[in-house]
C-alpha cells in the first residue's frame, strides 16, 4: 500500500494540462517519472530521492510531500499544496 498524504497536492500536468490531485506517494512518483514537464532540476532530484527514501523506509511521507511541492513549484505546475 502506498503511503497517503493528509493534504493533497494539486498540480497542472499532462497534455493538455489538467488539474490533478496527488494524494499518495505512488501517484507522486509516477508523476515525477512519467509526466513531469522538466527533465532536470535540483528540486526534482530531491523529490525523486525523497520518494525513494520513503519506499526504503528511511524517510517519512511528509518529507516526500514537501519535496514534491518544491519540485512542482520549480516546474511551474503547482496549483495548491
Protein backbone atom coordinates (compact mmCIF):
# COMPACT_ATOMS: atom_id res chain seq x y z
CA UNK A 1 0.00 0.00 0.00
CA UNK A 2 1.30 3.43 -0.94
CA UNK A 3 1.52 5.98 1.88
CA UNK A 4 -1.13 8.69 1.61
CA UNK A 5 -0.72 12.37 2.38
CA UNK A 6 -3.18 14.11 4.67
CA UNK A 7 -3.50 17.07 2.28
CA UNK A 8 -3.43 16.62 -1.49
CA UNK A 9 -1.02 18.50 -3.72
CA UNK A 10 -2.86 19.84 -6.77
CA UNK A 11 -0.77 20.27 -9.91
CA UNK A 12 -1.48 21.11 -13.54
CA UNK A 13 0.06 18.31 -15.58
CA UNK A 14 -0.40 16.33 -18.77
CA UNK A 15 -1.15 17.16 -22.37
CA UNK A 16 -3.38 19.08 -22.45
CA UNK A 17 -2.67 20.24 -18.88
CA UNK A 18 -5.29 19.26 -16.34
CA UNK A 19 -5.56 19.81 -12.60
CA UNK A 20 -4.57 16.61 -10.83
CA UNK A 21 -4.71 15.95 -7.09
CA UNK A 22 -1.75 13.92 -5.88
CA UNK A 23 -2.54 12.18 -2.58
CA UNK A 24 -0.23 9.15 -2.50
CA UNK A 25 3.47 8.55 -2.74
CA UNK A 26 2.89 6.23 -5.69
CA UNK A 27 0.99 8.92 -7.62
CA UNK A 28 3.76 11.43 -6.87
CA UNK A 29 6.47 9.05 -8.04
CA UNK A 30 4.63 8.25 -11.28
CA UNK A 31 4.06 11.94 -11.96
CA UNK A 32 7.73 12.72 -11.38
CA UNK A 33 8.88 9.87 -13.62
CA UNK A 34 6.30 9.87 -16.43
CA UNK A 35 4.59 13.24 -16.67
CA UNK A 36 6.97 15.89 -15.31
CA UNK A 37 7.30 18.88 -17.66
CA UNK A 38 11.02 19.35 -16.97
CA UNK A 39 13.75 16.74 -17.07
CA UNK A 40 16.26 18.35 -14.73
CA UNK A 41 16.25 20.47 -11.63
CA UNK A 42 17.57 20.37 -8.08
CA UNK A 43 14.09 20.19 -6.52
CA UNK A 44 13.09 17.43 -8.96
CA UNK A 45 16.16 15.41 -7.96
CA UNK A 46 15.39 15.89 -4.26
CA UNK A 47 11.76 14.85 -4.76
CA UNK A 48 12.75 11.62 -6.50
CA UNK A 49 15.28 10.92 -3.74
CA UNK A 50 12.68 11.64 -1.05
CA UNK A 51 10.12 9.31 -2.65
CA UNK A 52 12.75 6.58 -2.88
CA UNK A 53 13.66 7.17 0.76
CA UNK A 54 10.06 6.64 1.85
CA UNK A 55 9.84 3.42 -0.17
CA UNK A 56 13.04 2.22 1.51
CA UNK A 57 11.69 3.16 4.94
CA UNK A 58 14.37 5.79 5.51
CA UNK A 59 12.18 8.90 5.25
CA UNK A 60 8.70 9.99 6.27
CA UNK A 61 5.90 10.51 3.74
CA UNK A 62 5.60 14.19 4.75
CA UNK A 63 9.24 14.75 3.71
CA UNK A 64 8.40 13.39 0.26
CA UNK A 65 5.32 15.61 0.10
CA UNK A 66 7.37 18.72 0.92
CA UNK A 67 9.95 17.78 -1.69
CA UNK A 68 7.18 17.13 -4.23
CA UNK A 69 5.70 20.59 -3.56
CA UNK A 70 9.13 22.16 -4.09
CA UNK A 71 9.57 20.24 -7.36
CA UNK A 72 6.12 21.31 -8.57
CA UNK A 73 6.97 24.91 -7.74
CA UNK A 74 10.27 24.60 -9.60
CA UNK A 75 8.43 23.20 -12.66
CA UNK A 76 5.76 25.93 -12.51
CA UNK A 77 2.88 23.47 -12.18
CA UNK A 78 1.83 23.88 -8.53
CA UNK A 79 -1.82 24.89 -8.14
CA UNK A 80 -2.37 24.23 -4.42
CA UNK A 81 -0.48 22.49 -1.62
